[in-house]
């Protein structure tokens, strides 16, 4: 996920950056709520971590802004000196959680894991609404092992049927429902490293499970485009 961190303390912000990178997220750090407002438009974060004691506009004031409330971006509020009343106010204003400093990183990881599938689903829905007539990516036959890890912890093995720059279709003996977010691990026949991609199960039919890739890195997207181009 793309996570916007709003934290004015340099050392604390650096800790956030390092930890989120270790979890596989894409963190972006700003020092003020005012700067976060601009990034909300240009960077389109999937989640935010906001210190409520910021210079200038406070985190509580930030939570009350209409653009923030209407954005639908989930916010984790944090503070080292907040009162119980301030914590309750953050939750009342829409924060999904409140955490005191020093931060319980295991709990933060759990919250972000919970938010990730919802962020993927929201991102795909927005994309579908903005491009209802978008042309399908060309698919090419491909038979490789695929490991599917659901966010519930369920893991299953499958075999790909075909692949495109936007997704992969997998056959497997599994019980799954559309809309779930997963991590897909597979090795393309291009000599490159094993790929682990985030995806959403968008369709189940007699041909298998169709997954749409989300948040591919430029390198991963390039590998898929090159592979498909060899057969189209």
C-alpha atoms as a PDB file:
ATOM      1  CA  UNK A   1       0.000   0.000   0.000  1.00  0.00           C
ATOM      2  CA  UNK A   2       0.978   3.627  -0.463  1.00  0.00           C
ATOM      3  CA  UNK A   3       1.031   4.991   3.110  1.00  0.00           C
ATOM      4  CA  UNK A   4       1.280   8.723   3.817  1.00  0.00           C
ATOM      5  CA  UNK A   5       2.994   9.473   7.145  1.00  0.00           C
ATOM      6  CA  UNK A   6       2.308  12.877   8.721  1.00  0.00           C
ATOM      7  CA  UNK A   7       4.941  13.250  11.447  1.00  0.00           C
ATOM      8  CA  UNK A   8       6.959  16.336  12.403  1.00  0.00           C
ATOM      9  CA  UNK A   9       9.668  14.577  14.455  1.00  0.00           C
ATOM     10  CA  UNK A  10      12.539  13.579  12.152  1.00  0.00           C
ATOM     11  CA  UNK A  11      13.673  10.525  14.136  1.00  0.00           C
ATOM     12  CA  UNK A  12      10.155   9.164  14.547  1.00  0.00           C
ATOM     13  CA  UNK A  13       9.389   9.725  10.888  1.00  0.00           C
ATOM     14  CA  UNK A  14      12.522   7.838   9.854  1.00  0.00           C
ATOM     15  CA  UNK A  15      11.493   4.896  12.057  1.00  0.00           C
ATOM     16  CA  UNK A  16       8.082   4.852  10.356  1.00  0.00           C
ATOM     17  CA  UNK A  17       9.719   4.874   6.926  1.00  0.00           C
ATOM     18  CA  UNK A  18      12.073   1.996   7.721  1.00  0.00           C
ATOM     19  CA  UNK A  19       9.369  -0.150   9.311  1.00  0.00           C
ATOM     20  CA  UNK A  20       6.821   0.316   6.526  1.00  0.00           C
ATOM     21  CA  UNK A  21       9.466  -0.469   3.903  1.00  0.00           C
ATOM     22  CA  UNK A  22      10.230  -3.707   5.769  1.00  0.00           C
ATOM     23  CA  UNK A  23       6.520  -4.596   5.591  1.00  0.00           C
ATOM     24  CA  UNK A  24       6.561  -4.102   1.833  1.00  0.00           C
ATOM     25  CA  UNK A  25       4.571  -0.848   1.742  1.00  0.00           C
ATOM     26  CA  UNK A  26       5.368   2.381  -0.110  1.00  0.00           C
ATOM     27  CA  UNK A  27       5.737   5.059   2.599  1.00  0.00           C
ATOM     28  CA  UNK A  28       5.802   8.804   1.975  1.00  0.00           C
ATOM     29  CA  UNK A  29       6.695  11.229   4.781  1.00  0.00           C
ATOM     30  CA  UNK A  30       5.562  14.834   5.244  1.00  0.00           C
ATOM     31  CA  UNK A  31       6.051  17.085   8.285  1.00  0.00           C
ATOM     32  CA  UNK A  32       2.783  19.037   8.420  1.00  0.00           C
ATOM     33  CA  UNK A  33      -0.939  18.553   7.905  1.00  0.00           C
ATOM     34  CA  UNK A  34      -0.866  21.314   5.301  1.00  0.00           C
ATOM     35  CA  UNK A  35       1.674  19.354   3.233  1.00  0.00           C
ATOM     36  CA  UNK A  36      -0.429  16.209   3.630  1.00  0.00           C
ATOM     37  CA  UNK A  37      -3.407  17.928   1.996  1.00  0.00           C
ATOM     38  CA  UNK A  38      -1.434  18.415  -1.200  1.00  0.00           C
ATOM     39  CA  UNK A  39      -0.090  14.860  -1.179  1.00  0.00           C
ATOM     40  CA  UNK A  40      -3.607  13.510  -0.743  1.00  0.00           C
ATOM     41  CA  UNK A  41      -4.331  14.703  -4.292  1.00  0.00           C
ATOM     42  CA  UNK A  42      -0.996  14.105  -6.019  1.00  0.00           C
ATOM     43  CA  UNK A  43       0.008  10.801  -4.394  1.00  0.00           C
ATOM     44  CA  UNK A  44      -3.420   9.198  -3.770  1.00  0.00           C
ATOM     45  CA  UNK A  45      -2.399   7.290  -0.604  1.00  0.00           C
ATOM     46  CA  UNK A  46      -4.162   4.083   0.419  1.00  0.00           C
ATOM     47  CA  UNK A  47      -3.797   4.856   4.140  1.00  0.00           C
ATOM     48  CA  UNK A  48      -2.415   7.576   6.414  1.00  0.00           C
ATOM     49  CA  UNK A  49      -0.630   7.648   9.766  1.00  0.00           C
ATOM     50  CA  UNK A  50      -1.181  11.051  11.385  1.00  0.00           C
ATOM     51  CA  UNK A  51       0.355  12.500  14.547  1.00  0.00           C
ATOM     52  CA  UNK A  52      -2.324  14.585  16.220  1.00  0.00           C
ATOM     53  CA  UNK A  53       0.200  17.030  17.737  1.00  0.00           C
ATOM     54  CA  UNK A  54       1.553  18.760  14.651  1.00  0.00           C
ATOM     55  CA  UNK A  55       2.885  22.315  14.202  1.00  0.00           C
ATOM     56  CA  UNK A  56       0.367  24.602  12.533  1.00  0.00           C
ATOM     57  CA  UNK A  57      -2.785  22.638  11.800  1.00  0.00           C
ATOM     58  CA  UNK A  58      -3.148  19.867  14.375  1.00  0.00           C
ATOM     59  CA  UNK A  59      -3.977  16.277  13.550  1.00  0.00           C
ATOM     60  CA  UNK A  60      -7.418  16.701  15.125  1.00  0.00           C
ATOM     61  CA  UNK A  61      -8.120  19.701  12.892  1.00  0.00           C
ATOM     62  CA  UNK A  62      -6.858  17.681   9.924  1.00  0.00           C
ATOM     63  CA  UNK A  63      -9.344  14.885  10.668  1.00  0.00           C
ATOM     64  CA  UNK A  64     -12.212  17.389  10.630  1.00  0.00           C
ATOM     65  CA  UNK A  65     -11.506  18.757   7.144  1.00  0.00           C
ATOM     66  CA  UNK A  66     -14.114  17.909   4.527  1.00  0.00           C
ATOM     67  CA  UNK A  67     -11.582  16.721   1.890  1.00  0.00           C
ATOM     68  CA  UNK A  68     -10.146  14.295   4.435  1.00  0.00           C
ATOM     69  CA  UNK A  69     -13.518  12.966   5.541  1.00  0.00           C
ATOM     70  CA  UNK A  70     -14.767  12.621   1.964  1.00  0.00           C
ATOM     71  CA  UNK A  71     -11.577  10.989   0.667  1.00  0.00           C
ATOM     72  CA  UNK A  72     -12.353   7.684   2.332  1.00  0.00           C
ATOM     73  CA  UNK A  73      -8.653   7.134   3.056  1.00  0.00           C
ATOM     74  CA  UNK A  74      -8.324   5.255   6.380  1.00  0.00           C
ATOM     75  CA  UNK A  75      -6.298   7.075   9.027  1.00  0.00           C
ATOM     76  CA  UNK A  76      -4.372   5.734  12.010  1.00  0.00           C
ATOM     77  CA  UNK A  77      -3.948   8.524  14.573  1.00  0.00           C
ATOM     78  CA  UNK A  78      -0.856   8.492  16.803  1.00  0.00           C
ATOM     79  CA  UNK A  79       0.477  10.619  19.657  1.00  0.00           C
ATOM     80  CA  UNK A  80       2.906  10.491  22.531  1.00  0.00           C
ATOM     81  CA  UNK A  81       1.013  12.903  24.806  1.00  0.00           C
ATOM     82  CA  UNK A  82      -2.679  12.567  23.937  1.00  0.00           C
ATOM     83  CA  UNK A  83      -5.319  12.326  26.607  1.00  0.00           C
ATOM     84  CA  UNK A  84      -7.975   9.625  26.656  1.00  0.00           C
ATOM     85  CA  UNK A  85     -10.485  12.249  25.528  1.00  0.00           C
ATOM     86  CA  UNK A  86      -8.350  13.147  22.505  1.00  0.00           C
ATOM     87  CA  UNK A  87      -8.048   9.468  21.598  1.00  0.00           C
ATOM     88  CA  UNK A  88     -11.840   9.085  21.699  1.00  0.00           C
ATOM     89  CA  UNK A  89     -12.222  12.258  19.616  1.00  0.00           C
ATOM     90  CA  UNK A  90      -9.917  10.845  16.924  1.00  0.00           C
ATOM     91  CA  UNK A  91     -12.064   7.731  16.667  1.00  0.00           C
ATOM     92  CA  UNK A  92     -15.249   9.813  16.619  1.00  0.00           C
ATOM     93  CA  UNK A  93     -13.838  11.846  13.730  1.00  0.00           C
ATOM     94  CA  UNK A  94     -13.275   8.703  11.700  1.00  0.00           C
ATOM     95  CA  UNK A  95      -9.783   7.408  12.511  1.00  0.00           C
ATOM     96  CA  UNK A  96      -9.728   3.624  12.245  1.00  0.00           C
ATOM     97  CA  UNK A  97      -7.436   3.353  15.272  1.00  0.00           C
ATOM     98  CA  UNK A  98      -5.487   5.390  17.806  1.00  0.00           C
ATOM     99  CA  UNK A  99      -2.031   4.403  19.053  1.00  0.00           C
ATOM    100  CA  UNK A 100       0.213   5.964  21.656  1.00  0.00           C
ATOM    101  CA  UNK A 101       3.961   6.387  21.346  1.00  0.00           C
ATOM    102  CA  UNK A 102       6.241   4.515  21.528  1.00  0.00           C
ATOM    103  CA  UNK A 103       4.246   2.808  18.836  1.00  0.00           C
ATOM    104  CA  UNK A 104       3.231  -0.875  19.181  1.00  0.00           C
ATOM    105  CA  UNK A 105       4.527  -1.940  15.767  1.00  0.00           C
ATOM    106  CA  UNK A 106       2.939  -5.390  15.899  1.00  0.00           C
ATOM    107  CA  UNK A 107      -0.438  -3.730  16.281  1.00  0.00           C
ATOM    108  CA  UNK A 108       0.292  -1.254  13.476  1.00  0.00           C
ATOM    109  CA  UNK A 109       1.209  -4.168  11.205  1.00  0.00           C
ATOM    110  CA  UNK A 110      -2.090  -5.894  12.048  1.00  0.00           C
ATOM    111  CA  UNK A 111      -4.089  -2.741  11.280  1.00  0.00           C
ATOM    112  CA  UNK A 112      -2.345  -2.208   7.947  1.00  0.00           C
ATOM    113  CA  UNK A 113      -2.856  -5.871   7.036  1.00  0.00           C
ATOM    114  CA  UNK A 114      -6.569  -5.420   7.739  1.00  0.00           C
ATOM    115  CA  UNK A 115      -6.737  -2.234   5.657  1.00  0.00           C
ATOM    116  CA  UNK A 116      -4.805  -3.565   2.656  1.00  0.00           C
ATOM    117  CA  UNK A 117      -7.538  -5.662   0.999  1.00  0.00           C
ATOM    118  CA  UNK A 118     -10.054  -2.830   1.430  1.00  0.00           C
ATOM    119  CA  UNK A 119      -7.600  -0.388  -0.141  1.00  0.00           C
ATOM    120  CA  UNK A 120      -7.110  -2.697  -3.119  1.00  0.00           C
ATOM    121  CA  UNK A 121     -10.848  -3.150  -3.568  1.00  0.00           C
ATOM    122  CA  UNK A 122     -11.444   0.614  -3.389  1.00  0.00           C
ATOM    123  CA  UNK A 123      -8.674   1.301  -5.892  1.00  0.00           C
ATOM    124  CA  UNK A 124     -10.048  -1.176  -8.421  1.00  0.00           C
ATOM    125  CA  UNK A 125     -13.596   0.145  -8.030  1.00  0.00           C
ATOM    126  CA  UNK A 126     -12.404   3.690  -8.722  1.00  0.00           C
ATOM    127  CA  UNK A 127     -10.478   2.480 -11.750  1.00  0.00           C
ATOM    128  CA  UNK A 128     -13.538   0.654 -13.100  1.00  0.00           C
ATOM    129  CA  UNK A 129     -15.735   3.738 -12.676  1.00  0.00           C
ATOM    130  CA  UNK A 130     -13.200   6.011 -14.353  1.00  0.00           C
ATOM    131  CA  UNK A 131     -12.605   3.634 -17.289  1.00  0.00           C
ATOM    132  CA  UNK A 132     -15.773   1.552 -17.752  1.00  0.00           C
ATOM    133  CA  UNK A 133     -14.959   0.826 -21.413  1.00  0.00           C
ATOM    134  CA  UNK A 134     -11.240   0.195 -21.068  1.00  0.00           C
ATOM    135  CA  UNK A 135      -9.867  -2.397 -23.489  1.00  0.00           C
ATOM    136  CA  UNK A 136      -8.889  -5.747 -21.980  1.00  0.00           C
ATOM    137  CA  UNK A 137      -5.205  -6.580 -21.714  1.00  0.00           C
ATOM    138  CA  UNK A 138      -4.187  -9.253 -24.235  1.00  0.00           C
ATOM    139  CA  UNK A 139      -3.635 -12.631 -22.568  1.00  0.00           C
ATOM    140  CA  UNK A 140      -1.132 -15.309 -23.510  1.00  0.00           C
ATOM    141  CA  UNK A 141      -1.064 -18.982 -22.450  1.00  0.00           C
ATOM    142  CA  UNK A 142       1.315 -19.691 -19.584  1.00  0.00           C
ATOM    143  CA  UNK A 143       1.679 -22.763 -17.372  1.00  0.00           C
ATOM    144  CA  UNK A 144       3.682 -22.123 -14.207  1.00  0.00           C
ATOM    145  CA  UNK A 145       3.169 -22.918 -10.480  1.00  0.00           C
ATOM    146  CA  UNK A 146       1.450 -20.132  -8.531  1.00  0.00           C
ATOM    147  CA  UNK A 147       1.296 -19.836  -4.740  1.00  0.00           C
ATOM    148  CA  UNK A 148      -1.746 -17.931  -3.471  1.00  0.00           C
ATOM    149  CA  UNK A 149      -1.712 -16.467   0.043  1.00  0.00           C
ATOM    150  CA  UNK A 150      -4.967 -14.979   1.321  1.00  0.00           C
ATOM    151  CA  UNK A 151      -4.855 -12.263   3.985  1.00  0.00           C
ATOM    152  CA  UNK A 152      -6.762 -14.586   6.298  1.00  0.00           C
ATOM    153  CA  UNK A 153      -3.654 -16.795   6.299  1.00  0.00           C
ATOM    154  CA  UNK A 154      -5.080 -19.469   4.000  1.00  0.00           C
ATOM    155  CA  UNK A 155      -2.554 -20.637   1.422  1.00  0.00           C
ATOM    156  CA  UNK A 156      -3.094 -22.737  -1.678  1.00  0.00           C
ATOM    157  CA  UNK A 157      -1.152 -23.877  -4.701  1.00  0.00           C
ATOM    158  CA  UNK A 158      -2.317 -23.561  -8.280  1.00  0.00           C
ATOM    159  CA  UNK A 159      -1.170 -23.521 -11.880  1.00  0.00           C
ATOM    160  CA  UNK A 160      -1.521 -20.562 -14.190  1.00  0.00           C
ATOM    161  CA  UNK A 161      -3.630 -20.840 -17.353  1.00  0.00           C
ATOM    162  CA  UNK A 162      -2.772 -17.519 -18.934  1.00  0.00           C
ATOM    163  CA  UNK A 163      -1.305 -14.154 -18.015  1.00  0.00           C
ATOM    164  CA  UNK A 164      -1.569 -10.533 -19.109  1.00  0.00           C
ATOM    165  CA  UNK A 165       0.038  -7.280 -18.061  1.00  0.00           C
ATOM    166  CA  UNK A 166      -2.965  -6.724 -15.814  1.00  0.00           C
ATOM    167  CA  UNK A 167      -3.618 -10.111 -14.260  1.00  0.00           C
ATOM    168  CA  UNK A 168      -3.308 -13.882 -14.170  1.00  0.00           C
ATOM    169  CA  UNK A 169      -5.759 -16.780 -14.352  1.00  0.00           C
ATOM    170  CA  UNK A 170      -5.104 -19.769 -12.104  1.00  0.00           C
ATOM    171  CA  UNK A 171      -6.583 -23.249 -11.843  1.00  0.00           C
ATOM    172  CA  UNK A 172      -6.548 -24.812  -8.377  1.00  0.00           C
ATOM    173  CA  UNK A 173      -8.488 -26.953  -5.943  1.00  0.00           C
ATOM    174  CA  UNK A 174      -9.529 -24.226  -3.558  1.00  0.00           C
ATOM    175  CA  UNK A 175     -12.555 -22.557  -2.030  1.00  0.00           C
ATOM    176  CA  UNK A 176     -12.442 -18.794  -2.437  1.00  0.00           C
ATOM    177  CA  UNK A 177     -14.818 -15.934  -3.105  1.00  0.00           C
ATOM    178  CA  UNK A 178     -14.524 -12.963  -5.418  1.00  0.00           C
ATOM    179  CA  UNK A 179     -13.317  -9.721  -3.893  1.00  0.00           C
ATOM    180  CA  UNK A 180     -10.616 -11.198  -1.651  1.00  0.00           C
ATOM    181  CA  UNK A 181      -7.129  -9.706  -1.731  1.00  0.00           C
ATOM    182  CA  UNK A 182      -4.171 -12.066  -2.024  1.00  0.00           C
ATOM    183  CA  UNK A 183      -0.450 -12.246  -2.590  1.00  0.00           C
ATOM    184  CA  UNK A 184       0.542 -14.209  -5.689  1.00  0.00           C
ATOM    185  CA  UNK A 185       4.014 -15.718  -5.919  1.00  0.00           C
ATOM    186  CA  UNK A 186       5.273 -17.119  -9.220  1.00  0.00           C
ATOM    187  CA  UNK A 187       8.346 -17.241 -11.449  1.00  0.00           C
ATOM    188  CA  UNK A 188       8.038 -15.994 -15.016  1.00  0.00           C
ATOM    189  CA  UNK A 189       9.918 -17.854 -17.766  1.00  0.00           C
ATOM    190  CA  UNK A 190      12.094 -14.826 -18.493  1.00  0.00           C
ATOM    191  CA  UNK A 191      15.058 -15.681 -16.281  1.00  0.00           C
ATOM    192  CA  UNK A 192      14.181 -12.972 -13.763  1.00  0.00           C
ATOM    193  CA  UNK A 193      13.619 -13.293 -10.006  1.00  0.00           C
ATOM    194  CA  UNK A 194      10.492 -14.761  -8.438  1.00  0.00           C
ATOM    195  CA  UNK A 195       7.666 -12.244  -8.437  1.00  0.00           C
ATOM    196  CA  UNK A 196       5.313 -11.587  -5.527  1.00  0.00           C
ATOM    197  CA  UNK A 197       2.354  -9.469  -6.644  1.00  0.00           C
ATOM    198  CA  UNK A 198      -0.671  -8.166  -4.808  1.00  0.00           C
ATOM    199  CA  UNK A 199      -3.928  -9.061  -6.511  1.00  0.00           C
ATOM    200  CA  UNK A 200      -7.688  -9.133  -6.219  1.00  0.00           C
ATOM    201  CA  UNK A 201      -9.848 -12.123  -7.138  1.00  0.00           C
ATOM    202  CA  UNK A 202     -12.235 -10.578  -9.652  1.00  0.00           C
ATOM    203  CA  UNK A 203     -13.868 -13.596 -11.271  1.00  0.00           C
ATOM    204  CA  UNK A 204     -14.408 -17.336 -10.801  1.00  0.00           C
ATOM    205  CA  UNK A 205     -15.519 -19.455 -13.760  1.00  0.00           C
ATOM    206  CA  UNK A 206     -15.026 -22.925 -15.216  1.00  0.00           C
ATOM    207  CA  UNK A 207     -11.629 -21.782 -16.470  1.00  0.00           C
ATOM    208  CA  UNK A 208     -10.290 -20.972 -13.027  1.00  0.00           C
ATOM    209  CA  UNK A 209      -9.679 -18.016 -10.720  1.00  0.00           C
ATOM    210  CA  UNK A 210      -9.013 -14.671 -12.423  1.00  0.00           C
ATOM    211  CA  UNK A 211      -6.828 -12.250 -10.448  1.00  0.00           C
ATOM    212  CA  UNK A 212      -6.207  -8.595 -11.258  1.00  0.00           C
ATOM    213  CA  UNK A 213      -2.771  -7.260 -10.320  1.00  0.00           C
ATOM    214  CA  UNK A 214      -2.645  -4.154  -8.139  1.00  0.00           C
ATOM    215  CA  UNK A 215       0.306  -1.861  -7.324  1.00  0.00           C
ATOM    216  CA  UNK A 216       2.879  -3.549  -9.547  1.00  0.00           C
ATOM    217  CA  UNK A 217       6.277  -1.894  -9.495  1.00  0.00           C
ATOM    218  CA  UNK A 218       7.495  -0.435 -12.831  1.00  0.00           C
ATOM    219  CA  UNK A 219       9.985  -3.310 -13.082  1.00  0.00           C
ATOM    220  CA  UNK A 220       7.276  -5.955 -12.550  1.00  0.00           C
ATOM    221  CA  UNK A 221       4.906  -4.298 -15.012  1.00  0.00           C
ATOM    222  CA  UNK A 222       7.716  -4.102 -17.568  1.00  0.00           C
ATOM    223  CA  UNK A 223       8.490  -7.804 -17.235  1.00  0.00           C
ATOM    224  CA  UNK A 224       4.846  -8.719 -17.809  1.00  0.00           C
ATOM    225  CA  UNK A 225       4.524  -6.399 -20.804  1.00  0.00           C
ATOM    226  CA  UNK A 226       7.688  -7.846 -22.352  1.00  0.00           C
ATOM    227  CA  UNK A 227       6.507 -11.418 -21.786  1.00  0.00           C
ATOM    228  CA  UNK A 228       3.114 -10.795 -23.388  1.00  0.00           C
ATOM    229  CA  UNK A 229       4.674  -8.916 -26.303  1.00  0.00           C
ATOM    230  CA  UNK A 230       6.731 -11.982 -27.204  1.00  0.00           C
ATOM    231  CA  UNK A 231       3.559 -13.959 -27.954  1.00  0.00           C
ATOM    232  CA  UNK A 232       1.123 -11.324 -29.263  1.00  0.00           C
END
